[in-house]
Amino acid sequence: MKSPIESPEGDWWNEKVNRRETIWLGLSGAWAVTLFGWMAGWMQFGEQNQVGETLKLSTADYREKVGAYKAQAGELDGSLVPPGDDVYVGAMRYAFDGLPAVLETGREYVFHLGSYDVQHGFSVRQEDTLSKQLSLQMLPGYEWKVPMEFDDPGTYHVVCNEFCGTGHRTMHATFEVRESVPEVSGGGGSSGESGDGGAADAAYDGWLTGDARGGATSNWEGSAVDETGADEVTVTVGPDGEYVYDPAVVRVSPGTTVTFEWASPTHNVLVESAPTDWSGHEPIENDGFSFQHTFESEGVYEYYCQPHLALGMKGVVEVV
C-alpha cells in the first residue's frame, strides 16, 4: 500500500486476521469485561456510595417539611440544632435552607435533601481537608434520605456543584460539628408560618409573614421605619449577606426617591402588588449595583427577591 488514503490492492477485507492480533483482541475484550464487572461490583458493594430511601413529593410539600423542621429546631450561636437525628436541607437559587446547623461527632444523622426549584449539588468537605469530599445531587420533586456520621469536629463547607444559574458561584453554606452539643429548646428557627396572629402579622395583609408567598421576613419587627418628609431614602439589598431588605418596611411621603443598593450578590426586586405601575428591577444583580424609583402615588408597594422568596426576602414601601 503506497498511501494510507488510497485503497489497498487485492481482496484485503477477506484476509484472515493474524493470530497475534486475534490474541490481543481477545485480551482486550476480556479486560473490558473485567473492568465492566469491576465497576458494577464497586457501585453495588463499594462503601463510598451513598444509600438511603428516596421519596417522591412536590417541592411545596418538601418546603413545608423543612419549615416544620426549622420551627422545632433549637438555636445555638446563630445555627440550628436538630430536634432529633434528622437534618432537613432545601436547595434553591442561590442558598441552602436549613443551614447553618450544629451537629455532634459520632452521631448518625439522616440528611433529608431536596430542591425547591431546579437541580442542585450538595458537595461537603471539612474546612481544612481538601482530599475528602462528598458530592451528592438534590432534585426537585424528590426527598433523598442520606445517613451521615462525622467523626472529626470542625466546620464543614457546603457548595452547589451543579450549575444552577447566574448566582451559582455564591451558593454555599456551612455546618459545624462539635464533640458535644448542649440541649437546646426548640423554636429557634423560622418555619415560614405566621407568629401569634397579632397586629404585626396582620400588617400589609400578612405579606411579611409565612401566610403569604415565601417565608417570613426575618427583620420585620412589626413597625415601619418612618421617613416621611425625606426627599431621598435608601433600602439596602442583602446587608451583610443576609436575605433581607433593610429596612423591611419604610414609610415615605409622595415624591420621595427610594434608592435600592445591593450589598450582596444575586438579588433582584420584583413587584408583588402596587397601587400604580412599578416594574421594580427584574435582572439579578450583584453587590455594588443600585437603582432608584420615585414613588408619587399613595399606597402600599410590596416587593420581593425572586431567588430568595422562600427565605422571606420581602419588603414594603408605604407611601402616605
C-alpha atoms as a PDB file:
ATOM      1  CA  MET A   1       0.000   0.000   0.000  1.00  0.00           C
ATOM      2  CA  LYS A   2       1.574   3.240  -1.127  1.00  0.00           C
ATOM      3  CA  SER A   3      -0.640   5.680   0.758  1.00  0.00           C
ATOM      4  CA  PRO A   4      -2.982   5.363   3.759  1.00  0.00           C
ATOM      5  CA  ILE A   5      -5.663   7.281   1.876  1.00  0.00           C
ATOM      6  CA  GLU A   6      -5.559   5.004  -1.150  1.00  0.00           C
ATOM      7  CA  SER A   7      -7.396   1.680  -1.216  1.00  0.00           C
ATOM      8  CA  PRO A   8      -5.044  -1.309  -0.792  1.00  0.00           C
ATOM      9  CA  GLU A   9      -4.653  -3.774  -3.595  1.00  0.00           C
ATOM     10  CA  GLY A  10      -6.442  -7.079  -3.641  1.00  0.00           C
ATOM     11  CA  ASP A  11      -9.287  -8.553  -1.589  1.00  0.00           C
ATOM     12  CA  TRP A  12      -7.818  -7.330   1.748  1.00  0.00           C
ATOM     13  CA  TRP A  13     -11.058  -7.367   3.739  1.00  0.00           C
ATOM     14  CA  ASN A  14     -11.349 -11.125   3.346  1.00  0.00           C
ATOM     15  CA  GLU A  15      -7.829 -11.771   4.629  1.00  0.00           C
ATOM     16  CA  LYS A  16      -7.598 -13.770   7.847  1.00  0.00           C
ATOM     17  CA  VAL A  17      -6.661 -11.869  10.963  1.00  0.00           C
ATOM     18  CA  ASN A  18      -3.164 -12.562  12.196  1.00  0.00           C
ATOM     19  CA  ARG A  19      -3.028 -14.942  15.155  1.00  0.00           C
ATOM     20  CA  ARG A  20      -1.191 -12.405  17.321  1.00  0.00           C
ATOM     21  CA  GLU A  21      -3.807  -9.794  16.555  1.00  0.00           C
ATOM     22  CA  THR A  22      -6.538 -12.255  17.493  1.00  0.00           C
ATOM     23  CA  ILE A  23      -4.852 -12.846  20.865  1.00  0.00           C
ATOM     24  CA  TRP A  24      -4.633  -9.116  21.552  1.00  0.00           C
ATOM     25  CA  LEU A  25      -8.262  -8.614  20.579  1.00  0.00           C
ATOM     26  CA  GLY A  26      -9.253 -11.431  22.930  1.00  0.00           C
ATOM     27  CA  LEU A  27      -7.197  -9.992  25.796  1.00  0.00           C
ATOM     28  CA  SER A  28      -8.688  -6.539  25.220  1.00  0.00           C
ATOM     29  CA  GLY A  29     -12.227  -7.928  25.228  1.00  0.00           C
ATOM     30  CA  ALA A  30     -11.598  -9.920  28.407  1.00  0.00           C
ATOM     31  CA  TRP A  31     -10.090  -6.865  30.123  1.00  0.00           C
ATOM     32  CA  ALA A  32     -13.073  -4.727  29.067  1.00  0.00           C
ATOM     33  CA  VAL A  33     -15.482  -7.282  30.549  1.00  0.00           C
ATOM     34  CA  THR A  34     -13.400  -7.395  33.734  1.00  0.00           C
ATOM     35  CA  LEU A  35     -13.465  -3.627  34.114  1.00  0.00           C
ATOM     36  CA  PHE A  36     -17.209  -3.526  33.466  1.00  0.00           C
ATOM     37  CA  GLY A  37     -17.829  -6.149  36.139  1.00  0.00           C
ATOM     38  CA  TRP A  38     -15.457  -4.353  38.498  1.00  0.00           C
ATOM     39  CA  MET A  39     -17.351  -1.086  38.111  1.00  0.00           C
ATOM     40  CA  ALA A  40     -20.719  -2.786  38.589  1.00  0.00           C
ATOM     41  CA  GLY A  41     -19.481  -4.508  41.749  1.00  0.00           C
ATOM     42  CA  TRP A  42     -17.905  -1.304  43.049  1.00  0.00           C
ATOM     43  CA  MET A  43     -21.166   0.565  42.573  1.00  0.00           C
ATOM     44  CA  GLN A  44     -23.117  -2.219  44.263  1.00  0.00           C
ATOM     45  CA  PHE A  45     -20.851  -3.001  47.198  1.00  0.00           C
ATOM     46  CA  GLY A  46     -18.467  -0.061  47.487  1.00  0.00           C
ATOM     47  CA  GLU A  47     -18.744   1.802  50.790  1.00  0.00           C
ATOM     48  CA  GLN A  48     -18.235   5.128  49.016  1.00  0.00           C
ATOM     49  CA  ASN A  49     -21.761   5.035  47.605  1.00  0.00           C
ATOM     50  CA  GLN A  50     -24.469   6.907  49.441  1.00  0.00           C
ATOM     51  CA  VAL A  51     -27.619   4.949  50.102  1.00  0.00           C
ATOM     52  CA  GLY A  52     -30.958   5.835  51.572  1.00  0.00           C
ATOM     53  CA  GLU A  53     -34.665   5.977  50.946  1.00  0.00           C
ATOM     54  CA  THR A  54     -35.984   8.278  48.232  1.00  0.00           C
ATOM     55  CA  LEU A  55     -39.461   9.782  48.404  1.00  0.00           C
ATOM     56  CA  LYS A  56     -41.334  11.456  45.571  1.00  0.00           C
ATOM     57  CA  LEU A  57     -43.202  14.601  46.629  1.00  0.00           C
ATOM     58  CA  SER A  58     -43.900  18.106  45.408  1.00  0.00           C
ATOM     59  CA  THR A  59     -41.493  20.953  46.056  1.00  0.00           C
ATOM     60  CA  ALA A  60     -44.201  22.733  48.077  1.00  0.00           C
ATOM     61  CA  ASP A  61     -44.632  19.711  50.354  1.00  0.00           C
ATOM     62  CA  TYR A  62     -40.908  19.387  50.867  1.00  0.00           C
ATOM     63  CA  ARG A  63     -40.627  23.106  51.669  1.00  0.00           C
ATOM     64  CA  GLU A  64     -43.295  22.628  54.344  1.00  0.00           C
ATOM     65  CA  LYS A  65     -41.242  19.781  55.834  1.00  0.00           C
ATOM     66  CA  VAL A  66     -38.165  21.989  56.022  1.00  0.00           C
ATOM     67  CA  GLY A  67     -40.236  24.771  57.578  1.00  0.00           C
ATOM     68  CA  ALA A  68     -41.619  22.438  60.241  1.00  0.00           C
ATOM     69  CA  TYR A  69     -38.107  21.174  60.988  1.00  0.00           C
ATOM     70  CA  LYS A  70     -36.813  24.727  61.440  1.00  0.00           C
ATOM     71  CA  ALA A  71     -39.710  25.565  63.766  1.00  0.00           C
ATOM     72  CA  GLN A  72     -38.857  22.605  66.023  1.00  0.00           C
ATOM     73  CA  ALA A  73     -35.085  23.066  65.919  1.00  0.00           C
ATOM     74  CA  GLY A  74     -33.186  24.860  68.646  1.00  0.00           C
ATOM     75  CA  GLU A  75     -30.723  27.671  68.083  1.00  0.00           C
ATOM     76  CA  LEU A  76     -27.086  27.861  69.136  1.00  0.00           C
ATOM     77  CA  ASP A  77     -24.717  30.656  68.085  1.00  0.00           C
ATOM     78  CA  GLY A  78     -26.974  31.572  65.193  1.00  0.00           C
ATOM     79  CA  SER A  79     -27.187  27.990  63.885  1.00  0.00           C
ATOM     80  CA  LEU A  80     -29.948  25.394  64.022  1.00  0.00           C
ATOM     81  CA  VAL A  81     -29.698  22.437  66.385  1.00  0.00           C
ATOM     82  CA  PRO A  82     -31.722  19.483  65.021  1.00  0.00           C
ATOM     83  CA  PRO A  83     -34.504  18.352  67.364  1.00  0.00           C
ATOM     84  CA  GLY A  84     -33.506  14.737  66.713  1.00  0.00           C
ATOM     85  CA  ASP A  85     -31.379  12.751  64.293  1.00  0.00           C
ATOM     86  CA  ASP A  86     -32.949  14.268  61.161  1.00  0.00           C
ATOM     87  CA  VAL A  87     -31.428  17.232  59.324  1.00  0.00           C
ATOM     88  CA  TYR A  88     -33.532  18.871  56.589  1.00  0.00           C
ATOM     89  CA  VAL A  89     -31.840  20.893  53.840  1.00  0.00           C
ATOM     90  CA  GLY A  90     -33.682  22.563  50.983  1.00  0.00           C
ATOM     91  CA  ALA A  91     -31.809  23.981  47.986  1.00  0.00           C
ATOM     92  CA  MET A  92     -32.892  26.963  45.914  1.00  0.00           C
ATOM     93  CA  ARG A  93     -31.278  29.577  43.753  1.00  0.00           C
ATOM     94  CA  TYR A  94     -28.919  30.509  45.407  1.00  0.00           C
ATOM     95  CA  ALA A  95     -28.983  29.304  49.022  1.00  0.00           C
ATOM     96  CA  PHE A  96     -29.407  26.264  51.255  1.00  0.00           C
ATOM     97  CA  ASP A  97     -32.461  26.417  53.523  1.00  0.00           C
ATOM     98  CA  GLY A  98     -31.963  24.696  56.898  1.00  0.00           C
ATOM     99  CA  LEU A  99     -28.283  25.658  57.241  1.00  0.00           C
ATOM    100  CA  PRO A 100     -26.138  26.578  59.133  1.00  0.00           C
ATOM    101  CA  ALA A 101     -26.527  23.852  61.748  1.00  0.00           C
ATOM    102  CA  VAL A 102     -24.626  22.415  64.700  1.00  0.00           C
ATOM    103  CA  LEU A 103     -24.124  18.642  64.803  1.00  0.00           C
ATOM    104  CA  GLU A 104     -22.364  16.214  67.151  1.00  0.00           C
ATOM    105  CA  THR A 105     -19.415  13.924  66.406  1.00  0.00           C
ATOM    106  CA  GLY A 106     -20.015  10.185  66.353  1.00  0.00           C
ATOM    107  CA  ARG A 107     -23.763  10.553  65.971  1.00  0.00           C
ATOM    108  CA  GLU A 108     -25.532   9.296  62.874  1.00  0.00           C
ATOM    109  CA  TYR A 109     -27.852  11.813  61.293  1.00  0.00           C
ATOM    110  CA  VAL A 110     -30.234  11.342  58.410  1.00  0.00           C
ATOM    111  CA  PHE A 111     -29.852  14.221  55.973  1.00  0.00           C
ATOM    112  CA  HIS A 112     -33.049  14.952  54.040  1.00  0.00           C
ATOM    113  CA  LEU A 113     -32.101  16.559  50.725  1.00  0.00           C
ATOM    114  CA  GLY A 114     -34.449  18.207  48.243  1.00  0.00           C
ATOM    115  CA  SER A 115     -34.728  21.183  45.898  1.00  0.00           C
ATOM    116  CA  TYR A 116     -37.306  23.968  45.689  1.00  0.00           C
ATOM    117  CA  ASP A 117     -36.677  24.827  42.033  1.00  0.00           C
ATOM    118  CA  VAL A 118     -34.013  23.180  39.836  1.00  0.00           C
ATOM    119  CA  GLN A 119     -31.334  20.520  40.224  1.00  0.00           C
ATOM    120  CA  HIS A 120     -28.598  21.488  42.679  1.00  0.00           C
ATOM    121  CA  GLY A 121     -25.454  19.889  44.024  1.00  0.00           C
ATOM    122  CA  PHE A 122     -24.650  19.117  47.653  1.00  0.00           C
ATOM    123  CA  SER A 123     -20.877  18.961  47.983  1.00  0.00           C
ATOM    124  CA  VAL A 124     -19.487  18.700  51.525  1.00  0.00           C
ATOM    125  CA  ARG A 125     -15.916  18.864  52.771  1.00  0.00           C
ATOM    126  CA  GLN A 126     -14.248  19.762  56.034  1.00  0.00           C
ATOM    127  CA  GLU A 127     -12.683  23.208  56.089  1.00  0.00           C
ATOM    128  CA  ASP A 128      -9.068  22.010  56.344  1.00  0.00           C
ATOM    129  CA  THR A 129      -9.351  18.772  54.350  1.00  0.00           C
ATOM    130  CA  LEU A 130      -9.240  19.133  50.578  1.00  0.00           C
ATOM    131  CA  SER A 131      -8.758  15.433  49.821  1.00  0.00           C
ATOM    132  CA  LYS A 132     -12.055  14.241  51.311  1.00  0.00           C
ATOM    133  CA  GLN A 133     -15.224  15.473  49.698  1.00  0.00           C
ATOM    134  CA  LEU A 134     -18.771  14.189  49.451  1.00  0.00           C
ATOM    135  CA  SER A 135     -20.730  15.106  46.311  1.00  0.00           C
ATOM    136  CA  LEU A 136     -24.467  14.465  46.064  1.00  0.00           C
ATOM    137  CA  GLN A 137     -27.377  15.754  43.996  1.00  0.00           C
ATOM    138  CA  MET A 138     -30.589  17.493  45.095  1.00  0.00           C
ATOM    139  CA  LEU A 139     -33.529  17.109  42.714  1.00  0.00           C
ATOM    140  CA  PRO A 140     -36.883  18.913  42.668  1.00  0.00           C
ATOM    141  CA  GLY A 141     -39.810  16.622  43.320  1.00  0.00           C
ATOM    142  CA  TYR A 142     -37.786  14.208  45.469  1.00  0.00           C
ATOM    143  CA  GLU A 143     -36.649  13.847  49.067  1.00  0.00           C
ATOM    144  CA  TRP A 144     -33.453  11.833  49.493  1.00  0.00           C
ATOM    145  CA  LYS A 145     -32.673  10.481  52.968  1.00  0.00           C
ATOM    146  CA  VAL A 146     -28.913  10.015  53.338  1.00  0.00           C
ATOM    147  CA  PRO A 147     -27.402   8.739  56.612  1.00  0.00           C
ATOM    148  CA  MET A 148     -24.218  10.590  57.592  1.00  0.00           C
ATOM    149  CA  GLU A 149     -21.856  10.450  60.545  1.00  0.00           C
ATOM    150  CA  PHE A 150     -18.969  12.824  61.227  1.00  0.00           C
ATOM    151  CA  ASP A 151     -16.018  11.692  63.343  1.00  0.00           C
ATOM    152  CA  ASP A 152     -13.915  14.853  63.100  1.00  0.00           C
ATOM    153  CA  PRO A 153     -15.067  18.097  64.712  1.00  0.00           C
ATOM    154  CA  GLY A 154     -14.778  21.303  62.732  1.00  0.00           C
ATOM    155  CA  THR A 155     -16.525  23.464  60.183  1.00  0.00           C
ATOM    156  CA  TYR A 156     -17.844  21.725  57.089  1.00  0.00           C
ATOM    157  CA  HIS A 157     -18.455  23.703  53.910  1.00  0.00           C
ATOM    158  CA  VAL A 158     -21.385  23.007  51.598  1.00  0.00           C
ATOM    159  CA  VAL A 159     -21.356  24.225  47.989  1.00  0.00           C
ATOM    160  CA  CYS A 160     -23.565  23.619  44.982  1.00  0.00           C
ATOM    161  CA  ASN A 161     -21.572  21.582  42.456  1.00  0.00           C
ATOM    162  CA  GLU A 162     -24.291  21.620  39.782  1.00  0.00           C
ATOM    163  CA  PHE A 163     -24.549  24.784  37.690  1.00  0.00           C
ATOM    164  CA  CYS A 164     -27.926  26.323  38.550  1.00  0.00           C
ATOM    165  CA  GLY A 165     -27.847  29.874  37.201  1.00  0.00           C
ATOM    166  CA  THR A 166     -26.076  33.205  37.256  1.00  0.00           C
ATOM    167  CA  GLY A 167     -25.621  33.160  41.037  1.00  0.00           C
ATOM    168  CA  HIS A 168     -24.271  29.602  41.176  1.00  0.00           C
ATOM    169  CA  ARG A 169     -20.847  30.682  42.445  1.00  0.00           C
ATOM    170  CA  THR A 170     -22.397  32.308  45.530  1.00  0.00           C
ATOM    171  CA  MET A 171     -24.403  29.241  46.599  1.00  0.00           C
ATOM    172  CA  HIS A 172     -22.657  27.954  49.679  1.00  0.00           C
ATOM    173  CA  ALA A 173     -23.317  27.299  53.363  1.00  0.00           C
ATOM    174  CA  THR A 174     -21.710  25.665  56.407  1.00  0.00           C
ATOM    175  CA  PHE A 175     -22.474  23.428  59.336  1.00  0.00           C
ATOM    176  CA  GLU A 176     -20.361  22.840  62.426  1.00  0.00           C
ATOM    177  CA  VAL A 177     -19.583  19.509  64.044  1.00  0.00           C
ATOM    178  CA  ARG A 178     -18.760  19.630  67.756  1.00  0.00           C
ATOM    179  CA  GLU A 179     -17.693  16.942  70.197  1.00  0.00           C
ATOM    180  CA  SER A 180     -20.714  17.752  72.323  1.00  0.00           C
ATOM    181  CA  VAL A 181     -23.831  19.836  71.737  1.00  0.00           C
ATOM    182  CA  PRO A 182     -25.845  21.109  74.700  1.00  0.00           C
ATOM    183  CA  GLU A 183     -29.567  20.568  74.930  1.00  0.00           C
ATOM    184  CA  VAL A 184     -31.347  23.481  73.279  1.00  0.00           C
ATOM    185  CA  SER A 185     -35.088  24.001  73.371  1.00  0.00           C
ATOM    186  CA  GLY A 186     -36.975  24.073  70.100  1.00  0.00           C
ATOM    187  CA  GLY A 187     -38.445  27.034  68.301  1.00  0.00           C
ATOM    188  CA  GLY A 188     -35.119  28.572  67.309  1.00  0.00           C
ATOM    189  CA  GLY A 189     -35.776  28.558  63.578  1.00  0.00           C
ATOM    190  CA  SER A 190     -38.442  30.221  61.500  1.00  0.00           C
ATOM    191  CA  SER A 191     -40.954  27.889  59.910  1.00  0.00           C
ATOM    192  CA  GLY A 192     -42.234  30.449  57.496  1.00  0.00           C
ATOM    193  CA  GLU A 193     -45.573  30.462  59.301  1.00  0.00           C
ATOM    194  CA  SER A 194     -47.207  33.444  60.934  1.00  0.00           C
ATOM    195  CA  GLY A 195     -46.497  34.284  64.526  1.00  0.00           C
ATOM    196  CA  ASP A 196     -49.056  34.994  67.211  1.00  0.00           C
ATOM    197  CA  GLY A 197     -51.631  36.460  64.857  1.00  0.00           C
ATOM    198  CA  GLY A 198     -51.225  39.961  66.298  1.00  0.00           C
ATOM    199  CA  ALA A 199     -51.308  43.331  64.602  1.00  0.00           C
ATOM    200  CA  ALA A 200     -47.743  42.940  63.317  1.00  0.00           C
ATOM    201  CA  ASP A 201     -48.720  39.774  61.435  1.00  0.00           C
ATOM    202  CA  ALA A 202     -51.871  41.347  60.036  1.00  0.00           C
ATOM    203  CA  ALA A 203     -49.985  44.400  58.711  1.00  0.00           C
ATOM    204  CA  TYR A 204     -49.857  44.648  54.927  1.00  0.00           C
ATOM    205  CA  ASP A 205     -52.219  41.666  54.668  1.00  0.00           C
ATOM    206  CA  GLY A 206     -49.582  39.401  56.174  1.00  0.00           C
ATOM    207  CA  TRP A 207     -47.189  39.911  53.263  1.00  0.00           C
ATOM    208  CA  LEU A 208     -44.155  39.754  55.547  1.00  0.00           C
ATOM    209  CA  THR A 209     -45.243  36.521  57.252  1.00  0.00           C
ATOM    210  CA  GLY A 210     -45.320  32.941  56.051  1.00  0.00           C
ATOM    211  CA  ASP A 211     -49.052  33.204  55.378  1.00  0.00           C
ATOM    212  CA  ALA A 212     -48.226  34.919  52.084  1.00  0.00           C
ATOM    213  CA  ARG A 213     -45.945  33.579  49.372  1.00  0.00           C
ATOM    214  CA  GLY A 214     -42.488  32.666  50.612  1.00  0.00           C
ATOM    215  CA  GLY A 215     -41.118  32.545  54.115  1.00  0.00           C
ATOM    216  CA  ALA A 216     -41.411  35.009  56.962  1.00  0.00           C
ATOM    217  CA  THR A 217     -39.278  38.156  56.752  1.00  0.00           C
ATOM    218  CA  SER A 218     -36.665  37.799  59.484  1.00  0.00           C
ATOM    219  CA  ASN A 219     -36.032  41.504  60.108  1.00  0.00           C
ATOM    220  CA  TRP A 220     -39.700  42.541  60.277  1.00  0.00           C
ATOM    221  CA  GLU A 221     -40.396  43.622  63.849  1.00  0.00           C
ATOM    222  CA  GLY A 222     -43.900  44.948  63.422  1.00  0.00           C
ATOM    223  CA  SER A 223     -43.354  48.624  62.669  1.00  0.00           C
ATOM    224  CA  ALA A 224     -42.246  50.619  59.636  1.00  0.00           C
ATOM    225  CA  VAL A 225     -39.249  52.941  59.570  1.00  0.00           C
ATOM    226  CA  ASP A 226     -40.785  56.396  59.273  1.00  0.00           C
ATOM    227  CA  GLU A 227     -39.025  58.505  56.638  1.00  0.00           C
ATOM    228  CA  THR A 228     -41.966  60.756  55.779  1.00  0.00           C
ATOM    229  CA  GLY A 229     -40.779  64.195  54.773  1.00  0.00           C
ATOM    230  CA  ALA A 230     -37.417  62.951  53.461  1.00  0.00           C
ATOM    231  CA  ASP A 231     -36.567  63.614  49.822  1.00  0.00           C
ATOM    232  CA  GLU A 232     -34.379  60.515  49.427  1.00  0.00           C
ATOM    233  CA  VAL A 233     -34.331  57.177  51.222  1.00  0.00           C
ATOM    234  CA  THR A 234     -32.042  54.162  50.830  1.00  0.00           C
ATOM    235  CA  VAL A 235     -33.049  50.492  51.088  1.00  0.00           C
ATOM    236  CA  THR A 236     -30.099  48.096  51.381  1.00  0.00           C
ATOM    237  CA  VAL A 237     -30.481  44.863  49.446  1.00  0.00           C
ATOM    238  CA  GLY A 238     -28.900  41.886  51.236  1.00  0.00           C
ATOM    239  CA  PRO A 239     -26.926  43.655  54.008  1.00  0.00           C
ATOM    240  CA  ASP A 240     -24.060  41.538  55.413  1.00  0.00           C
ATOM    241  CA  GLY A 241     -25.088  38.711  53.107  1.00  0.00           C
ATOM    242  CA  GLU A 242     -28.461  38.314  54.818  1.00  0.00           C
ATOM    243  CA  TYR A 243     -31.564  37.583  52.764  1.00  0.00           C
ATOM    244  CA  VAL A 244     -33.451  40.738  53.715  1.00  0.00           C
ATOM    245  CA  TYR A 245     -34.147  44.286  52.604  1.00  0.00           C
ATOM    246  CA  ASP A 246     -33.129  46.852  55.203  1.00  0.00           C
ATOM    247  CA  PRO A 247     -35.424  48.337  56.323  1.00  0.00           C
ATOM    248  CA  ALA A 248     -38.079  45.705  55.666  1.00  0.00           C
ATOM    249  CA  VAL A 249     -40.759  48.406  55.607  1.00  0.00           C
ATOM    250  CA  VAL A 250     -40.188  52.098  55.012  1.00  0.00           C
ATOM    251  CA  ARG A 251     -42.882  54.765  55.160  1.00  0.00           C
ATOM    252  CA  VAL A 252     -42.338  57.768  52.871  1.00  0.00           C
ATOM    253  CA  SER A 253     -44.183  60.795  51.505  1.00  0.00           C
ATOM    254  CA  PRO A 254     -45.315  61.139  47.878  1.00  0.00           C
ATOM    255  CA  GLY A 255     -42.455  62.293  45.673  1.00  0.00           C
ATOM    256  CA  THR A 256     -39.752  60.539  47.707  1.00  0.00           C
ATOM    257  CA  THR A 257     -36.961  58.871  45.732  1.00  0.00           C
ATOM    258  CA  VAL A 258     -36.007  55.444  47.093  1.00  0.00           C
ATOM    259  CA  THR A 259     -32.580  54.057  46.162  1.00  0.00           C
ATOM    260  CA  PHE A 260     -32.124  50.284  46.303  1.00  0.00           C
ATOM    261  CA  GLU A 261     -28.441  49.488  46.932  1.00  0.00           C
ATOM    262  CA  TRP A 262     -27.077  45.932  46.563  1.00  0.00           C
ATOM    263  CA  ALA A 263     -24.767  44.889  49.422  1.00  0.00           C
ATOM    264  CA  SER A 264     -24.510  41.213  48.422  1.00  0.00           C
ATOM    265  CA  PRO A 265     -24.865  39.269  45.155  1.00  0.00           C
ATOM    266  CA  THR A 266     -27.692  37.512  43.308  1.00  0.00           C
ATOM    267  CA  HIS A 267     -30.715  39.607  44.267  1.00  0.00           C
ATOM    268  CA  ASN A 268     -33.446  41.436  42.401  1.00  0.00           C
ATOM    269  CA  VAL A 269     -36.597  43.422  43.179  1.00  0.00           C
ATOM    270  CA  LEU A 270     -39.866  42.046  41.803  1.00  0.00           C
ATOM    271  CA  VAL A 271     -43.220  43.659  42.460  1.00  0.00           C
ATOM    272  CA  GLU A 272     -45.868  41.621  44.243  1.00  0.00           C
ATOM    273  CA  SER A 273     -48.504  44.360  44.311  1.00  0.00           C
ATOM    274  CA  ALA A 274     -48.622  48.123  43.830  1.00  0.00           C
ATOM    275  CA  PRO A 275     -51.317  50.821  43.523  1.00  0.00           C
ATOM    276  CA  THR A 276     -49.732  52.062  40.273  1.00  0.00           C
ATOM    277  CA  ASP A 277     -47.327  50.774  37.672  1.00  0.00           C
ATOM    278  CA  TRP A 278     -43.927  49.997  39.171  1.00  0.00           C
ATOM    279  CA  SER A 279     -41.703  47.481  37.443  1.00  0.00           C
ATOM    280  CA  GLY A 280     -39.092  47.047  40.167  1.00  0.00           C
ATOM    281  CA  HIS A 281     -35.845  45.608  38.798  1.00  0.00           C
ATOM    282  CA  GLU A 282     -36.127  42.078  37.409  1.00  0.00           C
ATOM    283  CA  PRO A 283     -32.488  41.318  36.379  1.00  0.00           C
ATOM    284  CA  ILE A 284     -30.444  39.626  39.100  1.00  0.00           C
ATOM    285  CA  GLU A 285     -27.625  41.942  40.190  1.00  0.00           C
ATOM    286  CA  ASN A 286     -24.567  41.750  42.429  1.00  0.00           C
ATOM    287  CA  ASP A 287     -23.163  43.962  45.173  1.00  0.00           C
ATOM    288  CA  GLY A 288     -22.350  47.473  44.042  1.00  0.00           C
ATOM    289  CA  PHE A 289     -25.424  47.812  41.841  1.00  0.00           C
ATOM    290  CA  SER A 290     -28.209  50.314  42.617  1.00  0.00           C
ATOM    291  CA  PHE A 291     -31.342  51.751  41.052  1.00  0.00           C
ATOM    292  CA  GLN A 292     -33.834  54.445  42.020  1.00  0.00           C
ATOM    293  CA  HIS A 293     -37.561  54.994  41.822  1.00  0.00           C
ATOM    294  CA  THR A 294     -39.619  57.999  42.810  1.00  0.00           C
ATOM    295  CA  PHE A 295     -42.899  56.994  44.450  1.00  0.00           C
ATOM    296  CA  GLU A 296     -45.595  59.528  43.579  1.00  0.00           C
ATOM    297  CA  SER A 297     -48.867  57.748  44.358  1.00  0.00           C
ATOM    298  CA  GLU A 298     -50.037  56.876  47.850  1.00  0.00           C
ATOM    299  CA  GLY A 299     -50.465  53.226  48.732  1.00  0.00           C
ATOM    300  CA  VAL A 300     -48.585  50.061  49.679  1.00  0.00           C
ATOM    301  CA  TYR A 301     -45.890  48.718  47.345  1.00  0.00           C
ATOM    302  CA  GLU A 302     -44.986  45.105  48.123  1.00  0.00           C
ATOM    303  CA  TYR A 303     -41.898  43.532  46.559  1.00  0.00           C
ATOM    304  CA  TYR A 304     -39.583  40.540  46.911  1.00  0.00           C
ATOM    305  CA  CYS A 305     -36.353  38.904  45.755  1.00  0.00           C
ATOM    306  CA  GLN A 306     -37.171  36.066  43.380  1.00  0.00           C
ATOM    307  CA  PRO A 307     -34.176  33.807  44.196  1.00  0.00           C
ATOM    308  CA  HIS A 308     -34.743  34.124  47.946  1.00  0.00           C
ATOM    309  CA  LEU A 309     -38.502  34.445  48.312  1.00  0.00           C
ATOM    310  CA  ALA A 310     -38.628  31.135  50.187  1.00  0.00           C
ATOM    311  CA  LEU A 311     -36.230  32.598  52.754  1.00  0.00           C
ATOM    312  CA  GLY A 312     -38.537  35.538  53.391  1.00  0.00           C
ATOM    313  CA  MET A 313     -36.655  38.213  51.432  1.00  0.00           C
ATOM    314  CA  LYS A 314     -39.621  40.571  51.075  1.00  0.00           C
ATOM    315  CA  GLY A 315     -40.164  44.273  51.611  1.00  0.00           C
ATOM    316  CA  VAL A 316     -42.670  47.112  51.580  1.00  0.00           C
ATOM    317  CA  VAL A 317     -42.629  50.786  50.630  1.00  0.00           C
ATOM    318  CA  GLU A 318     -45.640  52.547  52.108  1.00  0.00           C
ATOM    319  CA  VAL A 319     -46.445  55.972  50.640  1.00  0.00           C
ATOM    320  CA  VAL A 320     -48.663  58.132  52.849  1.00  0.00           C
END
